[in-house]
Amino acid sequence: MEELSPDSPVLPAPAATPAVTPVLVEPVTEPEVRLDLRKVAGSWRVVPGLGRGGLVLGARVDRAVTGAAALTLPAGNWRAVIDLIPTYADGDGEPLRLTLRIDGKAYPLSIARNTGDAAWVQAVLDNRISIEVPGGIAGGNHRIELLAESGGVLIEAVRFVPADR
């Protein structure tokens, strides 16, 4: 190879580097089934652009809201988890309240908002409050309903995870 000095008029071409294609590796997670919020919307406000999934369901201030959808879960035992965006209820100091119905069985849920409480602070930092619904649900076809009596509730996701997780 010929040596070049700083006074040389032409520099050699750089050696070709092999093309590298980045590979994105997703973390391995257990299976999870998410309810399609667009299908369950009913009288809920659909708020695009919020949340991890790009839309949330918002309760209305002026009236109760409800929505329903069919859901098929694979065989096995499942449990429901509802992810909310942390907000304040309409009444000062009141908890956020909503009801999940699975095949007609009601699960009333209440989320206290204790500003300054470590759990509330973490929920605000995570921009998510996850509420585990008591009891399990078997695989198969189900009717899922979401109801809220007052404003302040923003549902980001309704997830079904294996009961043993």
C-alpha atoms as a PDB file:
ATOM      1  CA  MET A   1       0.000   0.000   0.000  1.00  0.00           C
ATOM      2  CA  GLU A   2       1.290   3.404  -0.918  1.00  0.00           C
ATOM      3  CA  GLU A   3       1.882   5.886   1.885  1.00  0.00           C
ATOM      4  CA  LEU A   4       0.224   9.254   1.592  1.00  0.00           C
ATOM      5  CA  SER A   5       1.435  12.436   3.077  1.00  0.00           C
ATOM      6  CA  PRO A   6      -0.764  15.341   4.191  1.00  0.00           C
ATOM      7  CA  ASP A   7       0.254  17.031   0.957  1.00  0.00           C
ATOM      8  CA  SER A   8      -1.162  14.192  -1.189  1.00  0.00           C
ATOM      9  CA  PRO A   9      -4.040  15.416  -3.390  1.00  0.00           C
ATOM     10  CA  VAL A  10      -6.174  12.253  -3.055  1.00  0.00           C
ATOM     11  CA  LEU A  11      -7.026  10.298   0.064  1.00  0.00           C
ATOM     12  CA  PRO A  12      -7.723   6.586  -0.219  1.00  0.00           C
ATOM     13  CA  ALA A  13     -11.349   5.466  -0.021  1.00  0.00           C
ATOM     14  CA  PRO A  14     -12.329   4.176   3.395  1.00  0.00           C
ATOM     15  CA  ALA A  15     -12.570   0.428   3.754  1.00  0.00           C
ATOM     16  CA  ALA A  16     -16.103  -0.862   3.291  1.00  0.00           C
ATOM     17  CA  THR A  17     -17.806  -1.852   6.504  1.00  0.00           C
ATOM     18  CA  PRO A  18     -20.342  -4.631   6.440  1.00  0.00           C
ATOM     19  CA  ALA A  19     -23.940  -3.500   6.713  1.00  0.00           C
ATOM     20  CA  VAL A  20     -25.406  -4.116  10.149  1.00  0.00           C
ATOM     21  CA  THR A  21     -29.128  -4.523  10.517  1.00  0.00           C
ATOM     22  CA  PRO A  22     -30.359  -3.685  14.006  1.00  0.00           C
ATOM     23  CA  VAL A  23     -32.433  -6.416  15.612  1.00  0.00           C
ATOM     24  CA  LEU A  24     -35.071  -5.373  18.090  1.00  0.00           C
ATOM     25  CA  VAL A  25     -35.623  -8.002  20.734  1.00  0.00           C
ATOM     26  CA  GLU A  26     -38.958  -7.923  22.496  1.00  0.00           C
ATOM     27  CA  PRO A  27     -38.955  -9.080  26.116  1.00  0.00           C
ATOM     28  CA  VAL A  28     -40.614 -12.441  26.546  1.00  0.00           C
ATOM     29  CA  THR A  29     -43.900 -11.992  28.334  1.00  0.00           C
ATOM     30  CA  GLU A  30     -46.703 -14.305  29.274  1.00  0.00           C
ATOM     31  CA  PRO A  31     -49.756 -14.241  27.025  1.00  0.00           C
ATOM     32  CA  GLU A  32     -52.241 -11.490  27.680  1.00  0.00           C
ATOM     33  CA  VAL A  33     -55.581 -10.736  26.076  1.00  0.00           C
ATOM     34  CA  ARG A  34     -56.685  -7.103  25.748  1.00  0.00           C
ATOM     35  CA  LEU A  35     -60.236  -5.962  25.301  1.00  0.00           C
ATOM     36  CA  ASP A  36     -60.592  -3.773  22.186  1.00  0.00           C
ATOM     37  CA  LEU A  37     -61.673  -0.463  23.746  1.00  0.00           C
ATOM     38  CA  ARG A  38     -63.136   0.759  20.446  1.00  0.00           C
ATOM     39  CA  LYS A  39     -65.643  -2.107  20.505  1.00  0.00           C
ATOM     40  CA  VAL A  40     -66.707  -1.512  24.110  1.00  0.00           C
ATOM     41  CA  ALA A  41     -66.970   2.295  23.825  1.00  0.00           C
ATOM     42  CA  GLY A  42     -70.783   2.620  23.961  1.00  0.00           C
ATOM     43  CA  SER A  43     -71.499   5.979  25.618  1.00  0.00           C
ATOM     44  CA  TRP A  44     -67.924   6.417  26.896  1.00  0.00           C
ATOM     45  CA  ARG A  45     -65.896   9.236  25.329  1.00  0.00           C
ATOM     46  CA  VAL A  46     -63.194   7.840  23.061  1.00  0.00           C
ATOM     47  CA  VAL A  47     -60.084   9.981  23.595  1.00  0.00           C
ATOM     48  CA  PRO A  48     -57.484   9.345  20.861  1.00  0.00           C
ATOM     49  CA  GLY A  49     -53.822  10.094  21.439  1.00  0.00           C
ATOM     50  CA  LEU A  50     -53.730   9.225  25.134  1.00  0.00           C
ATOM     51  CA  GLY A  51     -52.287   6.188  26.850  1.00  0.00           C
ATOM     52  CA  ARG A  52     -49.899   3.499  25.756  1.00  0.00           C
ATOM     53  CA  GLY A  53     -52.356   2.090  23.216  1.00  0.00           C
ATOM     54  CA  GLY A  54     -53.122   5.430  21.574  1.00  0.00           C
ATOM     55  CA  LEU A  55     -56.650   5.831  22.945  1.00  0.00           C
ATOM     56  CA  VAL A  56     -58.505   5.752  26.246  1.00  0.00           C
ATOM     57  CA  LEU A  57     -62.148   5.634  27.287  1.00  0.00           C
ATOM     58  CA  GLY A  58     -63.242   8.628  29.349  1.00  0.00           C
ATOM     59  CA  ALA A  59     -66.241   8.858  31.649  1.00  0.00           C
ATOM     60  CA  ARG A  60     -68.576  11.807  31.133  1.00  0.00           C
ATOM     61  CA  VAL A  61     -69.238  14.486  33.697  1.00  0.00           C
ATOM     62  CA  ASP A  62     -72.905  15.012  32.809  1.00  0.00           C
ATOM     63  CA  ARG A  63     -74.164  11.407  32.823  1.00  0.00           C
ATOM     64  CA  ALA A  64     -73.345   7.788  33.557  1.00  0.00           C
ATOM     65  CA  VAL A  65     -71.574   5.850  30.832  1.00  0.00           C
ATOM     66  CA  THR A  66     -71.702   2.241  29.783  1.00  0.00           C
ATOM     67  CA  GLY A  67     -70.328   0.060  27.028  1.00  0.00           C
ATOM     68  CA  ALA A  68     -70.110  -3.653  26.283  1.00  0.00           C
ATOM     69  CA  ALA A  69     -68.279  -6.073  24.021  1.00  0.00           C
ATOM     70  CA  ALA A  70     -67.854  -9.777  23.461  1.00  0.00           C
ATOM     71  CA  LEU A  71     -64.516 -11.352  24.335  1.00  0.00           C
ATOM     72  CA  THR A  72     -63.159 -14.846  23.768  1.00  0.00           C
ATOM     73  CA  LEU A  73     -60.419 -16.056  26.097  1.00  0.00           C
ATOM     74  CA  PRO A  74     -58.254 -19.074  25.322  1.00  0.00           C
ATOM     75  CA  ALA A  75     -58.658 -22.167  27.496  1.00  0.00           C
ATOM     76  CA  GLY A  76     -57.349 -21.790  31.038  1.00  0.00           C
ATOM     77  CA  ASN A  77     -57.965 -19.589  34.059  1.00  0.00           C
ATOM     78  CA  TRP A  78     -57.660 -15.829  33.712  1.00  0.00           C
ATOM     79  CA  ARG A  79     -57.910 -12.729  35.864  1.00  0.00           C
ATOM     80  CA  ALA A  80     -58.910  -9.242  34.790  1.00  0.00           C
ATOM     81  CA  VAL A  81     -56.756  -6.144  35.290  1.00  0.00           C
ATOM     82  CA  ILE A  82     -57.955  -2.631  34.469  1.00  0.00           C
ATOM     83  CA  ASP A  83     -55.372   0.072  33.752  1.00  0.00           C
ATOM     84  CA  LEU A  84     -56.484   3.640  34.464  1.00  0.00           C
ATOM     85  CA  ILE A  85     -54.734   6.922  33.915  1.00  0.00           C
ATOM     86  CA  PRO A  86     -54.482   8.597  37.336  1.00  0.00           C
ATOM     87  CA  THR A  87     -56.930  11.499  37.474  1.00  0.00           C
ATOM     88  CA  TYR A  88     -59.128  13.149  40.073  1.00  0.00           C
ATOM     89  CA  ALA A  89     -62.756  12.195  40.499  1.00  0.00           C
ATOM     90  CA  ASP A  90     -65.435  14.864  40.054  1.00  0.00           C
ATOM     91  CA  GLY A  91     -66.164  15.174  43.779  1.00  0.00           C
ATOM     92  CA  ASP A  92     -63.289  16.644  45.770  1.00  0.00           C
ATOM     93  CA  GLY A  93     -61.582  13.847  47.669  1.00  0.00           C
ATOM     94  CA  GLU A  94     -63.889  11.188  46.242  1.00  0.00           C
ATOM     95  CA  PRO A  95     -62.418   7.945  44.913  1.00  0.00           C
ATOM     96  CA  LEU A  96     -62.580   6.989  41.246  1.00  0.00           C
ATOM     97  CA  ARG A  97     -65.416   4.479  40.808  1.00  0.00           C
ATOM     98  CA  LEU A  98     -66.305   2.142  37.998  1.00  0.00           C
ATOM     99  CA  THR A  99     -67.931  -1.241  37.582  1.00  0.00           C
ATOM    100  CA  LEU A 100     -66.759  -4.128  35.459  1.00  0.00           C
ATOM    101  CA  ARG A 101     -69.373  -6.739  34.603  1.00  0.00           C
ATOM    102  CA  ILE A 102     -68.335 -10.119  33.320  1.00  0.00           C
ATOM    103  CA  ASP A 103     -71.271 -12.171  32.029  1.00  0.00           C
ATOM    104  CA  GLY A 104     -73.623 -10.059  34.170  1.00  0.00           C
ATOM    105  CA  LYS A 105     -71.661 -10.417  37.427  1.00  0.00           C
ATOM    106  CA  ALA A 106     -70.753  -6.959  38.725  1.00  0.00           C
ATOM    107  CA  TYR A 107     -67.353  -6.095  40.166  1.00  0.00           C
ATOM    108  CA  PRO A 108     -67.573  -2.578  41.682  1.00  0.00           C
ATOM    109  CA  LEU A 109     -64.118  -0.990  41.804  1.00  0.00           C
ATOM    110  CA  SER A 110     -63.065   2.028  43.835  1.00  0.00           C
ATOM    111  CA  ILE A 111     -59.674   3.711  43.656  1.00  0.00           C
ATOM    112  CA  ALA A 112     -58.760   6.149  46.398  1.00  0.00           C
ATOM    113  CA  ARG A 113     -56.675   9.116  45.380  1.00  0.00           C
ATOM    114  CA  ASN A 114     -54.478  10.082  48.262  1.00  0.00           C
ATOM    115  CA  THR A 115     -52.354  12.899  46.882  1.00  0.00           C
ATOM    116  CA  GLY A 116     -48.874  12.598  48.342  1.00  0.00           C
ATOM    117  CA  ASP A 117     -49.368   8.928  49.230  1.00  0.00           C
ATOM    118  CA  ALA A 118     -46.448   6.820  47.915  1.00  0.00           C
ATOM    119  CA  ALA A 119     -48.749   4.579  45.847  1.00  0.00           C
ATOM    120  CA  TRP A 120     -50.504   7.569  44.246  1.00  0.00           C
ATOM    121  CA  VAL A 121     -47.180   9.280  43.509  1.00  0.00           C
ATOM    122  CA  GLN A 122     -45.887   6.118  41.820  1.00  0.00           C
ATOM    123  CA  ALA A 123     -49.109   5.811  39.805  1.00  0.00           C
ATOM    124  CA  VAL A 124     -48.696   9.395  38.585  1.00  0.00           C
ATOM    125  CA  LEU A 125     -45.047   8.762  37.660  1.00  0.00           C
ATOM    126  CA  ASP A 126     -46.022   5.563  35.809  1.00  0.00           C
ATOM    127  CA  ASN A 127     -49.106   7.298  34.354  1.00  0.00           C
ATOM    128  CA  ARG A 128     -51.026   4.138  35.233  1.00  0.00           C
ATOM    129  CA  ILE A 129     -53.052   2.679  38.049  1.00  0.00           C
ATOM    130  CA  SER A 130     -53.602  -1.052  37.638  1.00  0.00           C
ATOM    131  CA  ILE A 131     -56.575  -2.553  39.448  1.00  0.00           C
ATOM    132  CA  GLU A 132     -56.814  -6.293  39.752  1.00  0.00           C
ATOM    133  CA  VAL A 133     -60.405  -7.489  39.615  1.00  0.00           C
ATOM    134  CA  PRO A 134     -61.158 -10.038  42.349  1.00  0.00           C
ATOM    135  CA  GLY A 135     -61.951 -13.572  41.259  1.00  0.00           C
ATOM    136  CA  GLY A 136     -61.037 -15.506  38.168  1.00  0.00           C
ATOM    137  CA  ILE A 137     -62.589 -16.138  34.799  1.00  0.00           C
ATOM    138  CA  ALA A 138     -62.465 -19.321  32.742  1.00  0.00           C
ATOM    139  CA  GLY A 139     -61.527 -19.397  29.093  1.00  0.00           C
ATOM    140  CA  GLY A 140     -64.365 -19.157  26.575  1.00  0.00           C
ATOM    141  CA  ASN A 141     -66.853 -16.566  25.294  1.00  0.00           C
ATOM    142  CA  HIS A 142     -67.782 -13.704  27.635  1.00  0.00           C
ATOM    143  CA  ARG A 143     -69.705 -10.437  27.657  1.00  0.00           C
ATOM    144  CA  ILE A 144     -67.676  -7.611  29.197  1.00  0.00           C
ATOM    145  CA  GLU A 145     -69.342  -4.358  30.326  1.00  0.00           C
ATOM    146  CA  LEU A 146     -67.767  -1.175  31.698  1.00  0.00           C
ATOM    147  CA  LEU A 147     -69.848   1.344  33.658  1.00  0.00           C
ATOM    148  CA  ALA A 148     -69.063   4.625  35.438  1.00  0.00           C
ATOM    149  CA  GLU A 149     -71.492   6.857  37.318  1.00  0.00           C
ATOM    150  CA  SER A 150     -69.358  10.020  37.360  1.00  0.00           C
ATOM    151  CA  GLY A 151     -66.496  11.680  35.518  1.00  0.00           C
ATOM    152  CA  GLY A 152     -62.789  11.434  36.148  1.00  0.00           C
ATOM    153  CA  VAL A 153     -62.335   7.822  35.020  1.00  0.00           C
ATOM    154  CA  LEU A 154     -59.939   7.270  32.093  1.00  0.00           C
ATOM    155  CA  ILE A 155     -59.550   3.613  31.094  1.00  0.00           C
ATOM    156  CA  GLU A 156     -56.335   2.833  29.251  1.00  0.00           C
ATOM    157  CA  ALA A 157     -56.718  -0.946  29.008  1.00  0.00           C
ATOM    158  CA  VAL A 158     -58.732  -3.937  30.159  1.00  0.00           C
ATOM    159  CA  ARG A 159     -56.353  -6.870  30.219  1.00  0.00           C
ATOM    160  CA  PHE A 160     -56.813 -10.545  30.967  1.00  0.00           C
ATOM    161  CA  VAL A 161     -53.717 -12.338  32.245  1.00  0.00           C
ATOM    162  CA  PRO A 162     -53.190 -15.972  33.240  1.00  0.00           C
ATOM    163  CA  ALA A 163     -54.473 -16.484  36.797  1.00  0.00           C
ATOM    164  CA  ASP A 164     -51.193 -18.047  37.920  1.00  0.00           C
ATOM    165  CA  ARG A 165     -49.145 -15.010  36.897  1.00  0.00           C
END
